[in-house]
């Protein structure tokens, strides 16, 4: 046989468990939101870093092309000199 006091205690426990679950749900939502923000921020930083890297690589390639063109020009026989030697 159930006593009224047992029902009150049982109801109190149910209420406390529901409060706990609601708190956990709220904290989980906050965690997920903060995690999503962290992931987005990290992705933006990675994209910016990759962009800087590609820009630096492009500048290096331009410098290389210019130096190679200068070197090729230095060692390419001049048309005027070639006809004078013949």
N, C-alpha and C. Protein backbone atom coordinates (compact mmCIF):
# COMPACT_ATOMS: atom_id res chain seq x y z
N UNK A 1 0.83 -1.16 0.00
CA UNK A 1 0.00 0.00 0.00
C UNK A 1 0.89 1.24 0.00
N UNK A 2 0.57 2.18 -0.88
CA UNK A 2 1.34 3.42 -0.98
C UNK A 2 0.83 4.43 0.02
N UNK A 3 1.73 5.11 0.56
CA UNK A 3 1.39 6.21 1.46
C UNK A 3 1.51 7.52 0.69
N UNK A 4 0.77 8.49 1.13
CA UNK A 4 0.80 9.80 0.50
C UNK A 4 2.21 10.37 0.52
N UNK A 5 2.93 10.15 1.60
CA UNK A 5 4.29 10.69 1.72
C UNK A 5 5.21 10.08 0.67
N UNK A 6 5.00 8.82 0.32
CA UNK A 6 5.82 8.17 -0.70
C UNK A 6 5.53 8.78 -2.07
N UNK A 7 4.27 9.12 -2.32
CA UNK A 7 3.92 9.77 -3.58
C UNK A 7 4.56 11.14 -3.70
N UNK A 8 4.57 11.86 -2.59
CA UNK A 8 5.18 13.20 -2.57
C UNK A 8 6.68 13.07 -2.85
N UNK A 9 7.34 12.12 -2.19
CA UNK A 9 8.77 11.91 -2.39
C UNK A 9 9.03 11.48 -3.83
N UNK A 10 8.20 10.58 -4.33
CA UNK A 10 8.35 10.11 -5.70
C UNK A 10 8.15 11.25 -6.69
N UNK A 11 7.14 12.08 -6.46
CA UNK A 11 6.88 13.24 -7.32
C UNK A 11 8.03 14.23 -7.27
N UNK A 12 8.59 14.40 -6.07
CA UNK A 12 9.73 15.31 -5.89
C UNK A 12 10.93 14.79 -6.69
N UNK A 13 11.15 13.50 -6.63
CA UNK A 13 12.27 12.89 -7.37
C UNK A 13 12.06 13.08 -8.87
N UNK A 14 10.88 12.83 -9.34
CA UNK A 14 10.58 12.99 -10.76
C UNK A 14 10.83 14.43 -11.18
N UNK A 15 10.39 15.37 -10.36
CA UNK A 15 10.58 16.79 -10.66
C UNK A 15 12.08 17.11 -10.72
N UNK A 16 12.85 16.60 -9.78
CA UNK A 16 14.29 16.87 -9.74
C UNK A 16 15.00 16.23 -10.95
N UNK A 17 14.58 15.04 -11.31
CA UNK A 17 15.16 14.37 -12.47
C UNK A 17 14.83 15.16 -13.74
N UNK A 18 13.61 15.63 -13.86
CA UNK A 18 13.23 16.44 -15.03
C UNK A 18 14.03 17.73 -15.08
N UNK A 19 14.23 18.37 -13.92
CA UNK A 19 15.04 19.59 -13.88
C UNK A 19 16.48 19.30 -14.31
N UNK A 20 16.99 18.18 -13.81
CA UNK A 20 18.35 17.79 -14.18
C UNK A 20 18.47 17.55 -15.68
N UNK A 21 17.51 16.85 -16.24
CA UNK A 21 17.53 16.55 -17.68
C UNK A 21 17.43 17.84 -18.49
N UNK A 22 16.56 18.77 -18.07
CA UNK A 22 16.42 20.05 -18.76
C UNK A 22 17.73 20.84 -18.70
N UNK A 23 18.38 20.82 -17.54
CA UNK A 23 19.66 21.50 -17.39
C UNK A 23 20.71 20.87 -18.30
N UNK A 24 20.73 19.56 -18.34
CA UNK A 24 21.68 18.87 -19.21
C UNK A 24 21.41 19.20 -20.68
N UNK A 25 20.14 19.23 -21.07
CA UNK A 25 19.79 19.59 -22.45
C UNK A 25 20.26 21.00 -22.79
N UNK A 26 20.04 21.93 -21.86
CA UNK A 26 20.45 23.32 -22.09
C UNK A 26 21.97 23.41 -22.21
N UNK A 27 22.67 22.73 -21.30
CA UNK A 27 24.13 22.74 -21.35
C UNK A 27 24.65 22.09 -22.64
N UNK A 28 23.99 21.05 -23.09
CA UNK A 28 24.39 20.38 -24.32
C UNK A 28 24.18 21.32 -25.51
N UNK A 29 23.08 22.04 -25.53
CA UNK A 29 22.82 23.01 -26.60
C UNK A 29 23.89 24.09 -26.62
N UNK A 30 24.27 24.57 -25.42
CA UNK A 30 25.31 25.59 -25.32
C UNK A 30 26.65 25.02 -25.81
N UNK A 31 26.94 23.79 -25.40
CA UNK A 31 28.18 23.13 -25.83
C UNK A 31 28.23 23.02 -27.35
N UNK A 32 27.15 22.55 -27.93
CA UNK A 32 27.09 22.37 -29.38
C UNK A 32 27.26 23.71 -30.10
N UNK A 33 26.62 24.75 -29.58
CA UNK A 33 26.73 26.08 -30.19
C UNK A 33 28.18 26.58 -30.10
N UNK A 34 28.79 26.44 -28.94
CA UNK A 34 30.18 26.89 -28.78
C UNK A 34 31.12 26.06 -29.64
N UNK A 35 30.88 24.75 -29.70
CA UNK A 35 31.71 23.88 -30.53
C UNK A 35 31.59 24.27 -32.00
N UNK A 36 30.37 24.54 -32.46
CA UNK A 36 30.15 24.95 -33.84
C UNK A 36 30.88 26.25 -34.15
N UNK A 37 30.83 27.20 -33.21
CA UNK A 37 31.55 28.46 -33.39
C UNK A 37 33.05 28.22 -33.46
N UNK A 38 33.55 27.35 -32.61
CA UNK A 38 34.97 27.02 -32.60
C UNK A 38 35.39 26.39 -33.92
N UNK A 39 34.58 25.47 -34.41
CA UNK A 39 34.88 24.81 -35.68
C UNK A 39 34.88 25.82 -36.82
N UNK A 40 33.90 26.71 -36.84
CA UNK A 40 33.83 27.73 -37.89
C UNK A 40 35.04 28.67 -37.82
N UNK A 41 35.39 29.11 -36.62
CA UNK A 41 36.54 30.00 -36.45
C UNK A 41 37.83 29.31 -36.91
N UNK A 42 37.99 28.06 -36.55
CA UNK A 42 39.17 27.30 -36.96
C UNK A 42 39.22 27.18 -38.48
N UNK A 43 38.09 26.89 -39.08
CA UNK A 43 38.03 26.78 -40.54
C UNK A 43 38.40 28.09 -41.22
N UNK A 44 37.93 29.20 -40.66
CA UNK A 44 38.27 30.52 -41.23
C UNK A 44 39.76 30.79 -41.12
N UNK A 45 40.35 30.44 -39.98
CA UNK A 45 41.79 30.62 -39.78
C UNK A 45 42.59 29.75 -40.74
N UNK A 46 42.14 28.52 -40.93
CA UNK A 46 42.82 27.61 -41.86
C UNK A 46 42.74 28.15 -43.28
N UNK A 47 41.57 28.65 -43.67
CA UNK A 47 41.40 29.21 -45.01
C UNK A 47 42.31 30.41 -45.21
N UNK A 48 42.40 31.28 -44.21
CA UNK A 48 43.26 32.46 -44.30
C UNK A 48 44.73 32.05 -44.41
N UNK A 49 45.12 31.05 -43.64
CA UNK A 49 46.50 30.57 -43.69
C UNK A 49 46.81 29.98 -45.07
N UNK A 50 45.90 29.18 -45.60
CA UNK A 50 46.11 28.59 -46.92
C UNK A 50 46.20 29.68 -47.99
N UNK A 51 45.38 30.72 -47.86
CA UNK A 51 45.40 31.82 -48.81
C UNK A 51 46.77 32.52 -48.76
N UNK A 52 47.25 32.79 -47.54
CA UNK A 52 48.56 33.43 -47.39
C UNK A 52 49.65 32.55 -47.99
N UNK A 53 49.55 31.26 -47.75
CA UNK A 53 50.54 30.32 -48.27
C UNK A 53 50.53 30.33 -49.80
N UNK A 54 49.35 30.29 -50.38
CA UNK A 54 49.26 30.30 -51.84
C UNK A 54 49.76 31.61 -52.42
N UNK A 55 49.47 32.72 -51.76
CA UNK A 55 49.96 34.02 -52.23
C UNK A 55 51.49 34.06 -52.18
N UNK A 56 52.06 33.54 -51.10
CA UNK A 56 53.52 33.50 -50.96
C UNK A 56 54.13 32.59 -52.03
N UNK A 57 53.49 31.46 -52.26
CA UNK A 57 53.98 30.54 -53.29
C UNK A 57 53.92 31.19 -54.67
N UNK A 58 52.84 31.91 -54.95
CA UNK A 58 52.70 32.60 -56.23
C UNK A 58 53.80 33.64 -56.40
N UNK A 59 54.10 34.40 -55.35
CA UNK A 59 55.17 35.40 -55.43
C UNK A 59 56.51 34.74 -55.69
N UNK A 60 56.75 33.61 -55.04
CA UNK A 60 58.00 32.88 -55.27
C UNK A 60 58.09 32.40 -56.72
N UNK A 61 56.98 31.91 -57.25
CA UNK A 61 56.97 31.45 -58.65
C UNK A 61 57.22 32.62 -59.61
N UNK A 62 56.63 33.78 -59.33
CA UNK A 62 56.85 34.96 -60.17
C UNK A 62 58.32 35.36 -60.13
N UNK A 63 58.90 35.37 -58.94
CA UNK A 63 60.32 35.71 -58.80
C UNK A 63 61.19 34.72 -59.56
N UNK A 64 60.87 33.44 -59.43
CA UNK A 64 61.62 32.40 -60.14
C UNK A 64 61.53 32.60 -61.64
N UNK A 65 60.30 32.83 -62.13
CA UNK A 65 60.12 33.05 -63.58
C UNK A 65 60.92 34.24 -64.07
N UNK A 66 60.91 35.33 -63.30
CA UNK A 66 61.65 36.53 -63.70
C UNK A 66 63.15 36.26 -63.72
N UNK A 67 63.66 35.59 -62.71
CA UNK A 67 65.10 35.28 -62.65
C UNK A 67 65.50 34.30 -63.74
N UNK A 68 64.63 33.33 -64.03
CA UNK A 68 64.93 32.37 -65.09
C UNK A 68 64.93 33.08 -66.44
N UNK A 69 63.98 33.95 -66.67
CA UNK A 69 63.92 34.70 -67.93
C UNK A 69 65.18 35.55 -68.08
N UNK A 70 65.63 36.18 -67.01
CA UNK A 70 66.84 36.99 -67.04
C UNK A 70 68.06 36.13 -67.36
N UNK A 71 68.12 34.96 -66.74
CA UNK A 71 69.24 34.04 -66.98
C UNK A 71 69.23 33.55 -68.43
N UNK A 72 68.05 33.22 -68.93
CA UNK A 72 67.95 32.76 -70.32
C UNK A 72 68.36 33.87 -71.28
N UNK A 73 67.96 35.09 -70.97
CA UNK A 73 68.31 36.23 -71.82
C UNK A 73 69.83 36.42 -71.82
N UNK A 74 70.44 36.25 -70.65
CA UNK A 74 71.89 36.43 -70.51
C UNK A 74 72.65 35.43 -71.39
N UNK A 75 72.15 34.22 -71.49
CA UNK A 75 72.85 33.17 -72.22
C UNK A 75 72.27 32.88 -73.59
N UNK A 76 71.34 33.70 -74.05
CA UNK A 76 70.81 33.57 -75.41
C UNK A 76 71.68 34.41 -76.32
N UNK A 77 72.22 33.76 -77.37
CA UNK A 77 73.08 34.55 -78.28
C UNK A 77 72.28 35.69 -78.93
N UNK A 78 72.91 36.82 -79.03
CA UNK A 78 72.30 37.97 -79.66
C UNK A 78 72.28 37.76 -81.16
N UNK A 79 71.19 38.09 -81.82
CA UNK A 79 71.06 37.89 -83.28
C UNK A 79 72.13 38.68 -84.02
N UNK A 80 72.40 39.88 -83.59
CA UNK A 80 73.39 40.74 -84.26
C UNK A 80 74.79 40.14 -84.12
N UNK A 81 75.11 39.64 -82.94
CA UNK A 81 76.42 39.04 -82.73
C UNK A 81 76.58 37.78 -83.55
N UNK A 82 75.52 37.00 -83.68
CA UNK A 82 75.59 35.76 -84.42
C UNK A 82 75.86 36.00 -85.90
N UNK A 83 75.26 36.99 -86.49
CA UNK A 83 75.47 37.27 -87.90
C UNK A 83 76.82 37.93 -88.15
N UNK A 84 77.36 38.61 -87.18
CA UNK A 84 78.67 39.25 -87.32
C UNK A 84 79.78 38.21 -87.29
N UNK A 85 79.59 37.12 -86.55
CA UNK A 85 80.62 36.09 -86.43
C UNK A 85 80.67 35.21 -87.68
N UNK A 86 79.63 35.14 -88.44
CA UNK A 86 79.58 34.25 -89.59
C UNK A 86 80.34 34.79 -90.73
